[in-house]
Amino acid sequence: MPSRTIQSIYTDGACSGNPGPGGWATVIYFTDSSVHELGGADAATTNNRMEMQGAIAALEFLLTLDQSEPIHLYTDSEYVKNGITKWIQGWKKKGWKTSTGKPVLNQDLWELLDELNLRVKKHLNAPMEWRYVRGHSGNEGNERCDQIARAFSLGKRPVLRRLSSEPPISKGLTTGGVTQAVEEGRSPQTLTLEQEISDFETQSVKKSPTDALFDATATNGNISETIQSSCISADAVPSDPAMVDSIPPATSDIPDLPREVRVAQLRNLVETLRMADEVASQGYLITSSELADLMDVNASAVTSRGDNWVWRNWVVSRVRREGNQILWQLERVD
């Protein structure tokens, strides 16, 4: 394969039901405007595992290349981004237990992702730059990953853009039969991955006010880094104004509130967090309106965040729809 330099990598995962059949995707953009896409499926999995599998495939591919320049990996999963950059050190120190003493979910994939992340750091002589990108916001790389992952989760056979020549991914780096066997041109379910631009059905994406910026800064399949500087914080999740915690800020210095009022607010906050912990530990599923009441936000603010996001000490995941209700689950992650 000709010498190429990666500009950025995007990853995503999807699940038709949670758990249920899932798909993952990785899209690699090179500085010469070429694009390489990977993807695969799993018949029985979860959304979080597919998000992680997309990132694992990205790091596996990266380790086959001769590149020393820093690389930005974009994911719309706060679970993946925060897990690999913040939570994983605490999990390892506690013997892969959460703060409540429960086993960390998806430990097998976290261990593999951690190993690959350390190898990439040594390979690049610099840590991988993990960045959060808000899903369904018009970002070209994220939208393309979403299309591929969703297609695989629905049992479709998306046609992927591929480099004319590519180094094989070591089979020794795969896990659980999920990672795509790139050297054979197949996913674990032997879904053929062609080497042309995909023309499979594309889903309609509602334009947001930021689309103009993304359209103006994305050229020839390469995502301009001005997206990062203008819209995406490297270390913080872009905030939806409606999602800002409206639980009274008990720890803030508000001079016109008496101390007893602030103490009462703190008690209310602690009770709210205890309820969230109970919901998570018991595995209860709650509706969008119930989750909004717990968080003290509008229900629309809950559904607008997508299928998987972080609130305080919990990952919030969309599980399924029952009638006209969306059901969510909370998972304690710290």
Protein backbone atom coordinates (compact mmCIF):
# COMPACT_ATOMS: atom_id res chain seq x y z
CA MET A 1 0.00 0.00 0.00
CA PRO A 2 1.33 3.48 -0.82
CA SER A 3 2.46 5.52 2.14
CA ARG A 4 -0.53 7.35 3.58
CA THR A 5 -1.06 9.51 6.62
CA ILE A 6 -4.25 9.27 8.65
CA GLN A 7 -5.95 12.59 9.28
CA SER A 8 -8.80 11.41 11.50
CA ILE A 9 -10.78 8.32 12.47
CA TYR A 10 -14.48 8.00 13.24
CA THR A 11 -16.13 5.05 14.97
CA ASP A 12 -19.69 4.10 15.85
CA GLY A 13 -21.88 1.23 16.95
CA ALA A 14 -25.56 0.39 16.68
CA CYS A 15 -27.95 -2.21 17.98
CA SER A 16 -31.42 -3.21 16.76
CA GLY A 17 -32.71 -3.70 20.27
CA ASN A 18 -30.43 -3.48 23.27
CA PRO A 19 -29.47 -6.31 23.55
CA GLY A 20 -30.06 -7.54 20.03
CA PRO A 21 -28.33 -7.80 16.65
CA GLY A 22 -25.68 -5.11 16.33
CA GLY A 23 -23.22 -3.54 13.97
CA TRP A 24 -20.08 -1.45 14.23
CA ALA A 25 -18.22 0.86 11.88
CA THR A 26 -14.86 2.57 11.50
CA VAL A 27 -14.14 5.26 8.89
CA ILE A 28 -10.53 6.38 8.36
CA TYR A 29 -9.79 9.64 6.54
CA PHE A 30 -6.32 10.17 5.04
CA THR A 31 -4.59 13.43 4.22
CA ASP A 32 -4.52 12.50 0.50
CA SER A 33 -8.37 12.49 0.49
CA SER A 34 -8.60 8.69 0.40
CA VAL A 35 -11.02 6.92 2.73
CA HIS A 36 -11.01 3.44 4.23
CA GLU A 37 -14.12 1.95 5.84
CA LEU A 38 -14.47 -1.09 8.10
CA GLY A 39 -17.55 -2.68 9.57
CA GLY A 40 -19.02 -5.85 10.98
CA ALA A 41 -21.95 -7.40 12.79
CA ASP A 42 -22.81 -9.47 15.83
CA ALA A 43 -26.02 -11.46 16.09
CA ALA A 44 -26.48 -10.88 19.83
CA THR A 45 -24.83 -7.91 21.52
CA THR A 46 -25.39 -4.48 23.05
CA ASN A 47 -25.00 -0.95 21.81
CA ASN A 48 -22.05 -0.28 24.12
CA ARG A 49 -20.18 -3.36 22.93
CA MET A 50 -20.62 -2.30 19.31
CA GLU A 51 -19.37 1.21 20.11
CA MET A 52 -16.29 -0.36 21.69
CA GLN A 53 -15.79 -2.76 18.78
CA GLY A 54 -15.64 0.15 16.33
CA ALA A 55 -12.86 1.73 18.40
CA ILE A 56 -11.02 -1.60 18.73
CA ALA A 57 -11.05 -2.08 14.95
CA ALA A 58 -9.70 1.45 14.49
CA LEU A 59 -6.73 0.84 16.79
CA GLU A 60 -6.03 -2.55 15.22
CA PHE A 61 -5.91 -0.96 11.78
CA LEU A 62 -3.75 1.91 13.00
CA LEU A 63 -1.14 -0.51 14.35
CA THR A 64 -0.64 -1.91 10.83
CA LEU A 65 0.45 1.48 9.48
CA ASP A 66 3.74 3.32 9.64
CA GLN A 67 2.55 6.58 11.15
CA SER A 68 4.07 8.74 13.84
CA GLU A 69 1.82 11.81 13.57
CA PRO A 70 -0.84 12.27 16.27
CA ILE A 71 -4.31 11.06 15.33
CA HIS A 72 -7.75 12.17 16.49
CA LEU A 73 -10.30 9.40 17.01
CA TYR A 74 -13.88 10.69 17.14
CA THR A 75 -16.68 8.76 18.83
CA ASP A 76 -20.23 9.77 19.70
CA SER A 77 -20.13 7.43 22.71
CA GLU A 78 -19.33 9.19 25.96
CA TYR A 79 -19.12 5.69 27.44
CA VAL A 80 -16.16 4.85 25.18
CA LYS A 81 -14.45 8.23 25.37
CA ASN A 82 -14.73 8.65 29.13
CA GLY A 83 -14.10 4.97 29.79
CA ILE A 84 -10.75 4.83 28.01
CA THR A 85 -9.54 8.29 29.10
CA LYS A 86 -10.90 8.58 32.67
CA TRP A 87 -12.59 5.57 34.24
CA ILE A 88 -10.37 2.69 33.19
CA GLN A 89 -7.51 3.46 35.58
CA GLY A 90 -9.89 3.37 38.54
CA TRP A 91 -11.47 0.15 37.31
CA LYS A 92 -8.08 -1.55 37.07
CA LYS A 93 -7.02 -0.37 40.54
CA LYS A 94 -10.25 -1.80 41.97
CA GLY A 95 -9.79 -5.15 40.23
CA TRP A 96 -12.33 -4.33 37.51
CA LYS A 97 -15.00 -3.35 39.99
CA THR A 98 -17.12 -0.19 40.05
CA SER A 99 -17.38 2.03 43.11
CA THR A 100 -20.38 -0.03 44.21
CA GLY A 101 -18.34 -3.26 44.08
CA LYS A 102 -20.07 -4.64 40.99
CA PRO A 103 -18.08 -6.10 38.09
CA VAL A 104 -17.39 -3.65 35.28
CA LEU A 105 -19.55 -4.52 32.31
CA ASN A 106 -17.79 -5.45 29.06
CA GLN A 107 -14.52 -6.10 30.90
CA ASP A 108 -13.24 -8.30 28.06
CA LEU A 109 -13.51 -5.50 25.53
CA TRP A 110 -12.21 -2.87 27.95
CA GLU A 111 -9.10 -4.96 28.58
CA LEU A 112 -8.49 -5.33 24.85
CA LEU A 113 -9.15 -1.66 24.16
CA ASP A 114 -6.79 -0.67 26.97
CA GLU A 115 -4.05 -2.95 25.61
CA LEU A 116 -4.45 -1.56 22.09
CA ASN A 117 -4.54 2.03 23.36
CA LEU A 118 -1.22 1.52 25.16
CA ARG A 119 0.30 -0.09 22.08
CA VAL A 120 -0.87 2.81 19.92
CA LYS A 121 0.70 5.27 22.37
CA LYS A 122 4.01 3.47 21.97
CA HIS A 123 3.52 3.14 18.19
CA LEU A 124 2.88 6.87 17.74
CA ASN A 125 5.20 7.93 20.55
CA ALA A 126 2.20 9.95 21.72
CA PRO A 127 -1.21 9.11 23.20
CA MET A 128 -4.21 8.71 20.93
CA GLU A 129 -6.40 11.83 20.96
CA TRP A 130 -9.86 10.57 21.95
CA ARG A 131 -12.55 13.11 21.08
CA TYR A 132 -16.31 13.23 21.53
CA VAL A 133 -18.51 14.26 18.63
CA ARG A 134 -22.19 14.70 19.12
CA GLY A 135 -24.18 12.13 17.15
CA HIS A 136 -26.69 13.06 14.45
CA SER A 137 -25.43 16.63 14.28
CA GLY A 138 -24.47 16.67 10.60
CA ASN A 139 -20.85 15.64 11.08
CA GLU A 140 -19.91 13.76 7.91
CA GLY A 141 -17.66 11.15 9.48
CA ASN A 142 -20.09 10.40 12.29
CA GLU A 143 -23.09 10.19 9.96
CA ARG A 144 -21.29 7.80 7.63
CA CYS A 145 -20.28 5.56 10.55
CA ASP A 146 -23.86 5.56 11.77
CA GLN A 147 -25.13 4.46 8.34
CA ILE A 148 -22.68 1.57 8.17
CA ALA A 149 -23.23 0.39 11.76
CA ARG A 150 -27.03 0.56 11.48
CA ALA A 151 -26.98 -1.30 8.16
CA PHE A 152 -24.98 -4.16 9.69
CA SER A 153 -27.27 -4.25 12.75
CA LEU A 154 -30.25 -4.71 10.42
CA GLY A 155 -28.60 -7.59 8.57
CA LYS A 156 -27.84 -5.52 5.46
CA ARG A 157 -24.67 -5.73 3.40
CA PRO A 158 -23.33 -2.19 3.07
CA VAL A 159 -20.72 -1.64 0.38
CA LEU A 160 -17.68 0.02 1.90
CA ARG A 161 -15.07 2.34 0.48
CA ARG A 162 -11.74 0.60 0.64
CA LEU A 163 -8.14 1.39 -0.17
CA SER A 164 -6.96 -0.30 -3.36
CA SER A 165 -4.32 -2.13 -1.34
CA GLU A 166 -4.23 -2.63 2.40
CA PRO A 167 -2.10 -4.38 5.01
CA PRO A 168 -3.85 -7.29 6.75
CA ILE A 169 -5.05 -6.86 10.30
CA SER A 170 -3.44 -9.41 12.57
CA LYS A 171 -5.86 -12.15 13.54
CA GLY A 172 -4.17 -12.20 16.91
CA LEU A 173 -5.73 -8.84 17.71
CA THR A 174 -9.32 -9.94 17.17
CA THR A 175 -11.67 -10.94 19.93
CA GLY A 176 -14.83 -12.99 20.23
CA GLY A 177 -15.16 -13.40 16.47
CA VAL A 178 -16.54 -9.88 16.24
CA THR A 179 -13.68 -7.95 14.70
CA GLN A 180 -13.85 -7.91 10.93
CA ALA A 181 -11.48 -10.27 9.15
CA VAL A 182 -10.12 -7.60 6.85
CA GLU A 183 -7.59 -9.87 5.22
CA GLU A 184 -10.48 -12.05 4.01
CA GLY A 185 -12.73 -9.15 3.07
CA ARG A 186 -15.45 -10.45 5.36
CA SER A 187 -17.14 -9.65 8.64
CA PRO A 188 -17.50 -12.49 11.16
CA GLN A 189 -20.85 -13.29 9.54
CA THR A 190 -19.14 -13.47 6.10
CA LEU A 191 -20.89 -10.32 4.89
CA THR A 192 -19.05 -9.35 1.71
CA LEU A 193 -17.34 -5.98 1.86
CA GLU A 194 -16.92 -4.64 -1.69
CA GLN A 195 -14.34 -2.05 -2.72
CA GLU A 196 -16.60 0.64 -4.13
CA ILE A 197 -18.45 3.59 -2.70
CA SER A 198 -21.59 2.52 -0.92
CA ASP A 199 -24.95 3.21 -2.48
CA PHE A 200 -26.99 1.45 0.17
CA GLU A 201 -29.99 3.28 1.50
CA THR A 202 -29.13 6.40 3.44
CA GLN A 203 -31.28 7.60 6.24
CA SER A 204 -32.67 11.08 6.29
CA VAL A 205 -30.79 13.32 8.69
CA LYS A 206 -32.49 16.38 10.05
CA LYS A 207 -30.29 19.41 9.53
CA SER A 208 -29.19 21.32 12.59
CA PRO A 209 -28.07 24.97 12.74
CA THR A 210 -24.45 23.76 12.82
CA ASP A 211 -24.73 21.87 9.53
CA ALA A 212 -23.53 24.85 7.55
CA LEU A 213 -20.28 24.84 9.48
CA PHE A 214 -19.78 21.11 8.96
CA ASP A 215 -20.60 21.39 5.26
CA ALA A 216 -18.20 24.28 4.86
CA THR A 217 -15.32 22.55 6.62
CA ALA A 218 -15.68 19.01 5.21
CA THR A 219 -14.13 18.56 1.77
CA ASN A 220 -13.47 15.41 -0.29
CA GLY A 221 -14.39 13.15 2.62
CA ASN A 222 -11.90 14.78 4.97
CA ILE A 223 -13.16 16.40 8.13
CA SER A 224 -11.54 19.72 8.84
CA GLU A 225 -10.10 20.13 12.28
CA THR A 226 -12.00 23.41 12.57
CA ILE A 227 -14.95 21.22 13.53
CA GLN A 228 -13.02 20.32 16.65
CA SER A 229 -12.06 23.85 17.53
CA SER A 230 -15.43 25.40 16.70
CA CYS A 231 -17.93 22.81 17.87
CA ILE A 232 -16.26 20.00 19.80
CA SER A 233 -14.31 20.21 23.01
CA ALA A 234 -11.54 17.65 23.31
CA ASP A 235 -12.12 17.14 27.00
CA ALA A 236 -15.75 17.97 27.55
CA VAL A 237 -19.04 16.87 26.09
CA PRO A 238 -20.71 19.64 24.06
CA SER A 239 -23.64 20.68 26.16
CA ASP A 240 -27.22 20.94 25.03
CA PRO A 241 -28.59 23.95 26.96
CA ALA A 242 -31.65 21.90 27.79
CA MET A 243 -29.47 19.19 29.30
CA VAL A 244 -27.65 21.36 31.82
CA ASP A 245 -28.42 19.90 35.22
CA SER A 246 -31.27 21.85 36.73
CA ILE A 247 -31.01 20.15 40.10
CA PRO A 248 -30.39 23.06 42.47
CA PRO A 249 -26.63 23.76 42.61
CA ALA A 250 -26.24 23.11 46.30
CA THR A 251 -22.49 23.53 46.25
CA SER A 252 -22.54 26.92 44.48
CA ASP A 253 -21.98 30.10 46.41
CA ILE A 254 -25.30 31.93 46.12
CA PRO A 255 -25.07 34.80 48.61
CA ASP A 256 -28.81 35.61 48.64
CA LEU A 257 -29.79 32.08 49.72
CA PRO A 258 -29.69 31.25 53.43
CA ARG A 259 -27.49 28.38 54.49
CA GLU A 260 -30.47 26.25 55.56
CA VAL A 261 -31.93 26.54 52.04
CA ARG A 262 -28.66 25.45 50.46
CA VAL A 263 -28.42 22.52 52.88
CA ALA A 264 -31.96 21.49 51.95
CA GLN A 265 -31.01 21.63 48.28
CA LEU A 266 -28.03 19.43 48.96
CA ARG A 267 -30.24 16.89 50.76
CA ASN A 268 -32.58 16.85 47.74
CA LEU A 269 -29.62 16.32 45.41
CA VAL A 270 -28.27 13.42 47.48
CA GLU A 271 -31.71 11.81 47.50
CA THR A 272 -31.91 12.17 43.71
CA LEU A 273 -28.52 10.51 43.30
CA ARG A 274 -29.53 7.71 45.65
CA MET A 275 -32.61 7.07 43.54
CA ALA A 276 -30.46 6.97 40.40
CA ASP A 277 -28.13 4.47 42.08
CA GLU A 278 -31.11 2.30 43.06
CA VAL A 279 -32.46 2.37 39.50
CA ALA A 280 -29.03 1.35 38.17
CA SER A 281 -28.24 -1.34 40.75
CA GLN A 282 -31.64 -3.01 40.38
CA GLY A 283 -31.57 -2.86 36.60
CA TYR A 284 -34.86 -0.98 36.42
CA LEU A 285 -35.94 0.43 33.06
CA ILE A 286 -37.50 3.89 33.19
CA THR A 287 -39.34 5.96 30.59
CA SER A 288 -38.14 9.22 29.07
CA SER A 289 -40.51 11.24 31.23
CA GLU A 290 -39.42 9.41 34.39
CA LEU A 291 -35.77 9.93 33.49
CA ALA A 292 -36.46 13.61 32.81
CA ASP A 293 -38.12 13.91 36.24
CA LEU A 294 -35.11 12.26 37.86
CA MET A 295 -32.73 14.65 36.13
CA ASP A 296 -35.10 17.64 36.49
CA VAL A 297 -35.06 18.48 32.77
CA ASN A 298 -37.59 18.50 29.96
CA ALA A 299 -38.39 15.11 28.40
CA SER A 300 -37.33 16.44 24.99
CA ALA A 301 -33.88 17.11 26.42
CA VAL A 302 -33.56 13.40 27.24
CA THR A 303 -34.56 12.08 23.83
CA SER A 304 -32.46 14.65 21.95
CA ARG A 305 -29.22 13.25 23.41
CA GLY A 306 -29.29 10.08 21.32
CA ASP A 307 -29.11 6.43 22.37
CA ASN A 308 -26.13 6.48 24.71
CA TRP A 309 -24.72 9.26 26.90
CA VAL A 310 -23.37 10.08 30.34
CA TRP A 311 -25.13 11.82 33.19
CA ARG A 312 -23.12 12.39 36.37
CA ASN A 313 -21.96 8.90 37.51
CA TRP A 314 -24.07 6.89 35.08
CA VAL A 315 -24.16 5.86 31.45
CA VAL A 316 -27.71 6.28 30.18
CA SER A 317 -28.65 3.88 27.37
CA ARG A 318 -31.77 3.57 25.28
CA VAL A 319 -32.99 -0.04 25.55
CA ARG A 320 -36.19 -0.33 23.52
CA ARG A 321 -39.52 1.20 22.69
CA GLU A 322 -42.75 -0.06 24.20
CA GLY A 323 -45.74 1.47 22.51
CA ASN A 324 -45.12 5.21 22.49
CA GLN A 325 -42.63 5.04 25.35
CA ILE A 326 -38.84 4.83 25.14
CA LEU A 327 -37.25 2.81 27.96
CA TRP A 328 -33.82 3.68 29.35
CA GLN A 329 -31.36 2.00 31.69
CA LEU A 330 -28.69 3.51 33.93
CA GLU A 331 -25.29 1.89 34.50
CA ARG A 332 -22.93 3.09 37.24
CA VAL A 333 -19.49 3.47 35.70
CA ASP A 334 -17.10 5.13 38.12
